[in-house]
Amino acid sequence: MLKVKVKTKDRNFSVPVPYALLTMISAILTSKRILRYVNKVIEKKGKHFKVPKIDRKDLRPLVHALSEQKGLVLVETRLKDGTEVTVRL
């Protein structure tokens, strides 16, 4: 489970993201329809960049490898206003 913790001056909260949800999101983001839509929006804005097609079967080993690395800190940031964000497996 991916755990996102956010600490501010006023509030602290944590958002757990199950690996099943992460797998579903990666499947949605790699769909042909979404990639076509994103590339159209980029084209409308006049940018000369295209999002490359990523195959779902290439992302599965990545999600599986992440699930084996419990406790690994992916992101840890602190802002000048005291806000802290931590993403941990």
PDB file of N, CA and C in Angstrom:
ATOM      1  N   MET A   1       0.836  -1.166   0.000  1.00  0.00           N
ATOM      2  CA  MET A   1       0.000   0.000   0.000  1.00  0.00           C
ATOM      3  C   MET A   1       0.889   1.240   0.000  1.00  0.00           C
ATOM      4  N   LEU A   2       0.592   2.150  -0.876  1.00  0.00           N
ATOM      5  CA  LEU A   2       1.288   3.419  -0.983  1.00  0.00           C
ATOM      6  C   LEU A   2       0.661   4.372   0.032  1.00  0.00           C
ATOM      7  N   LYS A   3       1.472   5.018   0.851  1.00  0.00           N
ATOM      8  CA  LYS A   3       0.957   5.910   1.887  1.00  0.00           C
ATOM      9  C   LYS A   3       1.470   7.324   1.640  1.00  0.00           C
ATOM     10  N   VAL A   4       0.540   8.260   1.498  1.00  0.00           N
ATOM     11  CA  VAL A   4       0.877   9.664   1.288  1.00  0.00           C
ATOM     12  C   VAL A   4       0.511  10.412   2.565  1.00  0.00           C
ATOM     13  N   LYS A   5       1.502  11.023   3.213  1.00  0.00           N
ATOM     14  CA  LYS A   5       1.260  11.786   4.438  1.00  0.00           C
ATOM     15  C   LYS A   5       1.546  13.254   4.182  1.00  0.00           C
ATOM     16  N   VAL A   6       0.608  14.099   4.601  1.00  0.00           N
ATOM     17  CA  VAL A   6       0.754  15.538   4.445  1.00  0.00           C
ATOM     18  C   VAL A   6       0.605  16.175   5.817  1.00  0.00           C
ATOM     19  N   LYS A   7       1.596  16.977   6.211  1.00  0.00           N
ATOM     20  CA  LYS A   7       1.553  17.689   7.490  1.00  0.00           C
ATOM     21  C   LYS A   7       1.624  19.178   7.206  1.00  0.00           C
ATOM     22  N   THR A   8       0.655  19.910   7.734  1.00  0.00           N
ATOM     23  CA  THR A   8       0.662  21.361   7.633  1.00  0.00           C
ATOM     24  C   THR A   8       0.605  21.925   9.043  1.00  0.00           C
ATOM     25  N   LYS A   9       0.600  23.245   9.144  1.00  0.00           N
ATOM     26  CA  LYS A   9       0.508  23.850  10.471  1.00  0.00           C
ATOM     27  C   LYS A   9      -0.807  23.497  11.147  1.00  0.00           C
ATOM     28  N   ASP A  10      -1.884  23.492  10.373  1.00  0.00           N
ATOM     29  CA  ASP A  10      -3.208  23.288  10.945  1.00  0.00           C
ATOM     30  C   ASP A  10      -3.644  21.832  10.991  1.00  0.00           C
ATOM     31  N   ARG A  11      -3.301  21.055   9.986  1.00  0.00           N
ATOM     32  CA  ARG A  11      -3.818  19.689   9.875  1.00  0.00           C
ATOM     33  C   ARG A  11      -2.737  18.703   9.456  1.00  0.00           C
ATOM     34  N   ASN A  12      -2.961  17.454   9.837  1.00  0.00           N
ATOM     35  CA  ASN A  12      -2.151  16.325   9.385  1.00  0.00           C
ATOM     36  C   ASN A  12      -3.117  15.290   8.832  1.00  0.00           C
ATOM     37  N   PHE A  13      -2.819  14.737   7.681  1.00  0.00           N
ATOM     38  CA  PHE A  13      -3.657  13.659   7.184  1.00  0.00           C
ATOM     39  C   PHE A  13      -2.832  12.698   6.341  1.00  0.00           C
ATOM     40  N   SER A  14      -3.372  11.488   6.225  1.00  0.00           N
ATOM     41  CA  SER A  14      -2.700  10.430   5.496  1.00  0.00           C
ATOM     42  C   SER A  14      -3.695   9.833   4.510  1.00  0.00           C
ATOM     43  N   VAL A  15      -3.204   9.511   3.307  1.00  0.00           N
ATOM     44  CA  VAL A  15      -4.049   8.920   2.274  1.00  0.00           C
ATOM     45  C   VAL A  15      -3.427   7.591   1.848  1.00  0.00           C
ATOM     46  N   PRO A  16      -4.051   6.472   2.192  1.00  0.00           N
ATOM     47  CA  PRO A  16      -3.538   5.184   1.724  1.00  0.00           C
ATOM     48  C   PRO A  16      -4.040   4.891   0.308  1.00  0.00           C
ATOM     49  N   VAL A  17      -3.128   4.426  -0.541  1.00  0.00           N
ATOM     50  CA  VAL A  17      -3.477   4.086  -1.923  1.00  0.00           C
ATOM     51  C   VAL A  17      -3.131   2.612  -2.126  1.00  0.00           C
ATOM     52  N   PRO A  18      -4.146   1.748  -2.232  1.00  0.00           N
ATOM     53  CA  PRO A  18      -3.864   0.315  -2.444  1.00  0.00           C
ATOM     54  C   PRO A  18      -3.244   0.072  -3.811  1.00  0.00           C
ATOM     55  N   TYR A  19      -2.465  -0.991  -3.917  1.00  0.00           N
ATOM     56  CA  TYR A  19      -1.803  -1.314  -5.178  1.00  0.00           C
ATOM     57  C   TYR A  19      -2.819  -1.648  -6.266  1.00  0.00           C
ATOM     58  N   ALA A  20      -3.990  -2.179  -5.892  1.00  0.00           N
ATOM     59  CA  ALA A  20      -5.030  -2.466  -6.885  1.00  0.00           C
ATOM     60  C   ALA A  20      -5.491  -1.170  -7.549  1.00  0.00           C
ATOM     61  N   LEU A  21      -5.642  -0.108  -6.752  1.00  0.00           N
ATOM     62  CA  LEU A  21      -6.035   1.190  -7.306  1.00  0.00           C
ATOM     63  C   LEU A  21      -4.919   1.753  -8.182  1.00  0.00           C
ATOM     64  N   LEU A  22      -3.687   1.568  -7.767  1.00  0.00           N
ATOM     65  CA  LEU A  22      -2.543   2.024  -8.558  1.00  0.00           C
ATOM     66  C   LEU A  22      -2.493   1.298  -9.904  1.00  0.00           C
ATOM     67  N   THR A  23      -2.809   0.014  -9.907  1.00  0.00           N
ATOM     68  CA  THR A  23      -2.846  -0.768 -11.136  1.00  0.00           C
ATOM     69  C   THR A  23      -3.967  -0.281 -12.053  1.00  0.00           C
ATOM     70  N   MET A  24      -5.145   0.017 -11.462  1.00  0.00           N
ATOM     71  CA  MET A  24      -6.263   0.528 -12.266  1.00  0.00           C
ATOM     72  C   MET A  24      -5.931   1.880 -12.881  1.00  0.00           C
ATOM     73  N   ILE A  25      -5.316   2.760 -12.110  1.00  0.00           N
ATOM     74  CA  ILE A  25      -4.956   4.080 -12.620  1.00  0.00           C
ATOM     75  C   ILE A  25      -3.941   3.960 -13.751  1.00  0.00           C
ATOM     76  N   SER A  26      -2.973   3.062 -13.597  1.00  0.00           N
ATOM     77  CA  SER A  26      -1.980   2.885 -14.665  1.00  0.00           C
ATOM     78  C   SER A  26      -2.636   2.320 -15.922  1.00  0.00           C
ATOM     79  N   ALA A  27      -3.649   1.471 -15.757  1.00  0.00           N
ATOM     80  CA  ALA A  27      -4.362   0.938 -16.917  1.00  0.00           C
ATOM     81  C   ALA A  27      -5.139   2.033 -17.631  1.00  0.00           C
ATOM     82  N   ILE A  28      -5.741   2.923 -16.868  1.00  0.00           N
ATOM     83  CA  ILE A  28      -6.502   4.024 -17.465  1.00  0.00           C
ATOM     84  C   ILE A  28      -5.569   4.990 -18.191  1.00  0.00           C
ATOM     85  N   LEU A  29      -4.450   5.326 -17.564  1.00  0.00           N
ATOM     86  CA  LEU A  29      -3.524   6.288 -18.161  1.00  0.00           C
ATOM     87  C   LEU A  29      -2.833   5.768 -19.412  1.00  0.00           C
ATOM     88  N   THR A  30      -2.752   4.459 -19.566  1.00  0.00           N
ATOM     89  CA  THR A  30      -2.088   3.902 -20.739  1.00  0.00           C
ATOM     90  C   THR A  30      -3.075   3.534 -21.843  1.00  0.00           C
ATOM     91  N   SER A  31      -4.355   3.826 -21.658  1.00  0.00           N
ATOM     92  CA  SER A  31      -5.336   3.485 -22.686  1.00  0.00           C
ATOM     93  C   SER A  31      -5.158   4.393 -23.900  1.00  0.00           C
ATOM     94  N   LYS A  32      -5.511   3.866 -25.053  1.00  0.00           N
ATOM     95  CA  LYS A  32      -5.345   4.604 -26.307  1.00  0.00           C
ATOM     96  C   LYS A  32      -6.197   5.868 -26.326  1.00  0.00           C
ATOM     97  N   ARG A  33      -7.424   5.768 -25.801  1.00  0.00           N
ATOM     98  CA  ARG A  33      -8.340   6.902 -25.814  1.00  0.00           C
ATOM     99  C   ARG A  33      -7.799   8.066 -24.990  1.00  0.00           C
ATOM    100  N   ILE A  34      -7.270   7.775 -23.800  1.00  0.00           N
ATOM    101  CA  ILE A  34      -6.725   8.830 -22.932  1.00  0.00           C
ATOM    102  C   ILE A  34      -5.492   9.459 -23.570  1.00  0.00           C
ATOM    103  N   LEU A  35      -4.598   8.635 -24.132  1.00  0.00           N
ATOM    104  CA  LEU A  35      -3.397   9.168 -24.776  1.00  0.00           C
ATOM    105  C   LEU A  35      -3.754  10.048 -25.967  1.00  0.00           C
ATOM    106  N   ARG A  36      -4.758   9.636 -26.738  1.00  0.00           N
ATOM    107  CA  ARG A  36      -5.192  10.437 -27.875  1.00  0.00           C
ATOM    108  C   ARG A  36      -5.736  11.785 -27.399  1.00  0.00           C
ATOM    109  N   TYR A  37      -6.549  11.765 -26.338  1.00  0.00           N
ATOM    110  CA  TYR A  37      -7.121  12.999 -25.794  1.00  0.00           C
ATOM    111  C   TYR A  37      -6.026  13.937 -25.273  1.00  0.00           C
ATOM    112  N   VAL A  38      -5.070  13.381 -24.527  1.00  0.00           N
ATOM    113  CA  VAL A  38      -3.986  14.197 -23.964  1.00  0.00           C
ATOM    114  C   VAL A  38      -3.157  14.817 -25.084  1.00  0.00           C
ATOM    115  N   ASN A  39      -2.857  14.058 -26.104  1.00  0.00           N
ATOM    116  CA  ASN A  39      -2.072  14.590 -27.222  1.00  0.00           C
ATOM    117  C   ASN A  39      -2.831  15.668 -27.990  1.00  0.00           C
ATOM    118  N   LYS A  40      -4.172  15.538 -28.095  1.00  0.00           N
ATOM    119  CA  LYS A  40      -4.979  16.579 -28.741  1.00  0.00           C
ATOM    120  C   LYS A  40      -4.933  17.876 -27.951  1.00  0.00           C
ATOM    121  N   VAL A  41      -5.038  17.768 -26.625  1.00  0.00           N
ATOM    122  CA  VAL A  41      -5.005  18.955 -25.774  1.00  0.00           C
ATOM    123  C   VAL A  41      -3.645  19.640 -25.878  1.00  0.00           C
ATOM    124  N   ILE A  42      -2.579  18.875 -25.891  1.00  0.00           N
ATOM    125  CA  ILE A  42      -1.234  19.446 -26.026  1.00  0.00           C
ATOM    126  C   ILE A  42      -1.097  20.142 -27.375  1.00  0.00           C
ATOM    127  N   GLU A  43      -1.637  19.520 -28.421  1.00  0.00           N
ATOM    128  CA  GLU A  43      -1.567  20.095 -29.759  1.00  0.00           C
ATOM    129  C   GLU A  43      -2.336  21.418 -29.836  1.00  0.00           C
ATOM    130  N   LYS A  44      -3.509  21.492 -29.185  1.00  0.00           N
ATOM    131  CA  LYS A  44      -4.317  22.711 -29.194  1.00  0.00           C
ATOM    132  C   LYS A  44      -3.586  23.875 -28.545  1.00  0.00           C
ATOM    133  N   LYS A  45      -2.790  23.565 -27.535  1.00  0.00           N
ATOM    134  CA  LYS A  45      -2.063  24.618 -26.829  1.00  0.00           C
ATOM    135  C   LYS A  45      -0.821  25.060 -27.584  1.00  0.00           C
ATOM    136  N   GLY A  46      -0.543  24.429 -28.723  1.00  0.00           N
ATOM    137  CA  GLY A  46       0.570  24.847 -29.555  1.00  0.00           C
ATOM    138  C   GLY A  46       1.908  24.263 -29.152  1.00  0.00           C
ATOM    139  N   LYS A  47       1.908  23.268 -28.326  1.00  0.00           N
ATOM    140  CA  LYS A  47       3.164  22.632 -27.907  1.00  0.00           C
ATOM    141  C   LYS A  47       3.581  21.586 -28.938  1.00  0.00           C
ATOM    142  N   HIS A  48       4.855  21.341 -29.041  1.00  0.00           N
ATOM    143  CA  HIS A  48       5.382  20.356 -29.979  1.00  0.00           C
ATOM    144  C   HIS A  48       5.908  19.154 -29.207  1.00  0.00           C
ATOM    145  N   PHE A  49       5.033  18.590 -28.393  1.00  0.00           N
ATOM    146  CA  PHE A  49       5.398  17.444 -27.574  1.00  0.00           C
ATOM    147  C   PHE A  49       4.272  16.428 -27.646  1.00  0.00           C
ATOM    148  N   LYS A  50       4.597  15.173 -27.724  1.00  0.00           N
ATOM    149  CA  LYS A  50       3.593  14.110 -27.710  1.00  0.00           C
ATOM    150  C   LYS A  50       3.925  13.153 -26.580  1.00  0.00           C
ATOM    151  N   VAL A  51       2.888  12.715 -25.880  1.00  0.00           N
ATOM    152  CA  VAL A  51       3.062  11.722 -24.823  1.00  0.00           C
ATOM    153  C   VAL A  51       3.247  10.370 -25.502  1.00  0.00           C
ATOM    154  N   PRO A  52       4.344   9.672 -25.228  1.00  0.00           N
ATOM    155  CA  PRO A  52       4.580   8.392 -25.896  1.00  0.00           C
ATOM    156  C   PRO A  52       3.631   7.311 -25.382  1.00  0.00           C
ATOM    157  N   LYS A  53       3.378   6.321 -26.214  1.00  0.00           N
ATOM    158  CA  LYS A  53       2.524   5.207 -25.816  1.00  0.00           C
ATOM    159  C   LYS A  53       3.315   4.306 -24.878  1.00  0.00           C
ATOM    160  N   ILE A  54       2.719   4.014 -23.749  1.00  0.00           N
ATOM    161  CA  ILE A  54       3.335   3.121 -22.764  1.00  0.00           C
ATOM    162  C   ILE A  54       2.476   1.872 -22.702  1.00  0.00           C
ATOM    163  N   ASP A  55       3.097   0.730 -22.798  1.00  0.00           N
ATOM    164  CA  ASP A  55       2.355  -0.523 -22.798  1.00  0.00           C
ATOM    165  C   ASP A  55       2.046  -0.952 -21.366  1.00  0.00           C
ATOM    166  N   ARG A  56       0.838  -1.454 -21.154  1.00  0.00           N
ATOM    167  CA  ARG A  56       0.420  -1.890 -19.817  1.00  0.00           C
ATOM    168  C   ARG A  56       1.306  -3.004 -19.276  1.00  0.00           C
ATOM    169  N   LYS A  57       1.702  -3.905 -20.161  1.00  0.00           N
ATOM    170  CA  LYS A  57       2.509  -5.042 -19.692  1.00  0.00           C
ATOM    171  C   LYS A  57       3.898  -4.597 -19.236  1.00  0.00           C
ATOM    172  N   ASP A  58       4.332  -3.411 -19.634  1.00  0.00           N
ATOM    173  CA  ASP A  58       5.604  -2.878 -19.150  1.00  0.00           C
ATOM    174  C   ASP A  58       5.468  -2.276 -17.754  1.00  0.00           C
ATOM    175  N   LEU A  59       4.277  -1.800 -17.407  1.00  0.00           N
ATOM    176  CA  LEU A  59       4.063  -1.202 -16.088  1.00  0.00           C
ATOM    177  C   LEU A  59       3.781  -2.237 -14.997  1.00  0.00           C
ATOM    178  N   ARG A  60       3.266  -3.385 -15.372  1.00  0.00           N
ATOM    179  CA  ARG A  60       2.947  -4.412 -14.363  1.00  0.00           C
ATOM    180  C   ARG A  60       4.168  -4.833 -13.541  1.00  0.00           C
ATOM    181  N   PRO A  61       5.324  -5.113 -14.166  1.00  0.00           N
ATOM    182  CA  PRO A  61       6.490  -5.479 -13.347  1.00  0.00           C
ATOM    183  C   PRO A  61       6.934  -4.345 -12.423  1.00  0.00           C
ATOM    184  N   LEU A  62       6.749  -3.108 -12.859  1.00  0.00           N
ATOM    185  CA  LEU A  62       7.110  -1.965 -12.019  1.00  0.00           C
ATOM    186  C   LEU A  62       6.240  -1.918 -10.767  1.00  0.00           C
ATOM    187  N   VAL A  63       4.934  -2.056 -10.927  1.00  0.00           N
ATOM    188  CA  VAL A  63       4.025  -2.042  -9.776  1.00  0.00           C
ATOM    189  C   VAL A  63       4.299  -3.235  -8.877  1.00  0.00           C
ATOM    190  N   HIS A  64       4.587  -4.384  -9.474  1.00  0.00           N
ATOM    191  CA  HIS A  64       4.902  -5.576  -8.678  1.00  0.00           C
ATOM    192  C   HIS A  64       6.194  -5.385  -7.880  1.00  0.00           C
ATOM    193  N   ALA A  65       7.208  -4.801  -8.502  1.00  0.00           N
ATOM    194  CA  ALA A  65       8.474  -4.560  -7.799  1.00  0.00           C
ATOM    195  C   ALA A  65       8.290  -3.543  -6.682  1.00  0.00           C
ATOM    196  N   LEU A  66       7.453  -2.541  -6.908  1.00  0.00           N
ATOM    197  CA  LEU A  66       7.187  -1.563  -5.843  1.00  0.00           C
ATOM    198  C   LEU A  66       6.492  -2.211  -4.658  1.00  0.00           C
ATOM    199  N   SER A  67       5.617  -3.160  -4.924  1.00  0.00           N
ATOM    200  CA  SER A  67       4.894  -3.804  -3.828  1.00  0.00           C
ATOM    201  C   SER A  67       5.812  -4.643  -2.947  1.00  0.00           C
ATOM    202  N   GLU A  68       6.966  -5.032  -3.454  1.00  0.00           N
ATOM    203  CA  GLU A  68       7.914  -5.831  -2.673  1.00  0.00           C
ATOM    204  C   GLU A  68       8.839  -4.974  -1.809  1.00  0.00           C
ATOM    205  N   GLN A  69       8.869  -3.681  -1.997  1.00  0.00           N
ATOM    206  CA  GLN A  69       9.790  -2.789  -1.292  1.00  0.00           C
ATOM    207  C   GLN A  69       9.081  -2.017  -0.174  1.00  0.00           C
ATOM    208  N   LYS A  70       8.503  -2.715   0.790  1.00  0.00           N
ATOM    209  CA  LYS A  70       7.770  -2.059   1.872  1.00  0.00           C
ATOM    210  C   LYS A  70       8.677  -1.141   2.680  1.00  0.00           C
ATOM    211  N   GLY A  71       8.149   0.030   3.012  1.00  0.00           N
ATOM    212  CA  GLY A  71       8.879   0.968   3.854  1.00  0.00           C
ATOM    213  C   GLY A  71       9.783   1.933   3.103  1.00  0.00           C
ATOM    214  N   LEU A  72       9.929   1.752   1.810  1.00  0.00           N
ATOM    215  CA  LEU A  72      10.786   2.618   1.001  1.00  0.00           C
ATOM    216  C   LEU A  72      10.148   3.996   0.866  1.00  0.00           C
ATOM    217  N   VAL A  73      10.929   5.046   1.160  1.00  0.00           N
ATOM    218  CA  VAL A  73      10.433   6.416   1.028  1.00  0.00           C
ATOM    219  C   VAL A  73      10.717   6.889  -0.393  1.00  0.00           C
ATOM    220  N   LEU A  74       9.646   7.213  -1.133  1.00  0.00           N
ATOM    221  CA  LEU A  74       9.792   7.666  -2.513  1.00  0.00           C
ATOM    222  C   LEU A  74       9.992   9.172  -2.589  1.00  0.00           C
ATOM    223  N   VAL A  75       9.205   9.916  -1.807  1.00  0.00           N
ATOM    224  CA  VAL A  75       9.273  11.380  -1.816  1.00  0.00           C
ATOM    225  C   VAL A  75       9.192  11.875  -0.385  1.00  0.00           C
ATOM    226  N   GLU A  76      10.059  12.827  -0.054  1.00  0.00           N
ATOM    227  CA  GLU A  76      10.011  13.474   1.256  1.00  0.00           C
ATOM    228  C   GLU A  76      10.407  14.932   1.040  1.00  0.00           C
ATOM    229  N   THR A  77       9.450  15.830   1.212  1.00  0.00           N
ATOM    230  CA  THR A  77       9.719  17.246   0.970  1.00  0.00           C
ATOM    231  C   THR A  77       9.254  18.088   2.139  1.00  0.00           C
ATOM    232  N   ARG A  78       9.926  19.202   2.332  1.00  0.00           N
ATOM    233  CA  ARG A  78       9.542  20.194   3.346  1.00  0.00           C
ATOM    234  C   ARG A  78       9.592  21.561   2.690  1.00  0.00           C
ATOM    235  N   LEU A  79       8.499  22.294   2.816  1.00  0.00           N
ATOM    236  CA  LEU A  79       8.435  23.627   2.242  1.00  0.00           C
ATOM    237  C   LEU A  79       8.777  24.668   3.290  1.00  0.00           C
ATOM    238  N   LYS A  80       9.009  25.897   2.847  1.00  0.00           N
ATOM    239  CA  LYS A  80       9.379  26.970   3.775  1.00  0.00           C
ATOM    240  C   LYS A  80       8.258  27.290   4.764  1.00  0.00           C
ATOM    241  N   ASP A  81       7.003  27.077   4.371  1.00  0.00           N
ATOM    242  CA  ASP A  81       5.890  27.364   5.268  1.00  0.00           C
ATOM    243  C   ASP A  81       5.618  26.255   6.293  1.00  0.00           C
ATOM    244  N   GLY A  82       6.430  25.198   6.284  1.00  0.00           N
ATOM    245  CA  GLY A  82       6.303  24.133   7.265  1.00  0.00           C
ATOM    246  C   GLY A  82       5.549  22.916   6.783  1.00  0.00           C
ATOM    247  N   THR A  83       5.060  22.941   5.576  1.00  0.00           N
ATOM    248  CA  THR A  83       4.317  21.806   5.022  1.00  0.00           C
ATOM    249  C   THR A  83       5.291  20.674   4.692  1.00  0.00           C
ATOM    250  N   GLU A  84       4.927  19.468   5.095  1.00  0.00           N
ATOM    251  CA  GLU A  84       5.741  18.282   4.814  1.00  0.00           C
ATOM    252  C   GLU A  84       4.893  17.285   4.050  1.00  0.00           C
ATOM    253  N   VAL A  85       5.463  16.668   3.005  1.00  0.00           N
ATOM    254  CA  VAL A  85       4.795  15.627   2.233  1.00  0.00           C
ATOM    255  C   VAL A  85       5.731  14.427   2.162  1.00  0.00           C
ATOM    256  N   THR A  86       5.203  13.265   2.508  1.00  0.00           N
ATOM    257  CA  THR A  86       5.985  12.041   2.467  1.00  0.00           C
ATOM    258  C   THR A  86       5.186  10.983   1.721  1.00  0.00           C
ATOM    259  N   VAL A  87       5.821  10.329   0.755  1.00  0.00           N
ATOM    260  CA  VAL A  87       5.213   9.209   0.037  1.00  0.00           C
ATOM    261  C   VAL A  87       6.061   7.994   0.341  1.00  0.00           C
ATOM    262  N   ARG A  88       5.414   6.992   0.945  1.00  0.00           N
ATOM    263  CA  ARG A  88       6.128   5.785   1.397  1.00  0.00           C
ATOM    264  C   ARG A  88       5.381   4.548   0.918  1.00  0.00           C
ATOM    265  N   LEU A  89       6.157   3.511   0.621  1.00  0.00           N
ATOM    266  CA  LEU A  89       5.533   2.245   0.213  1.00  0.00           C
ATOM    267  C   LEU A  89       5.124   1.445   1.425  1.00  0.00           C
TER     268      LEU A  89
END
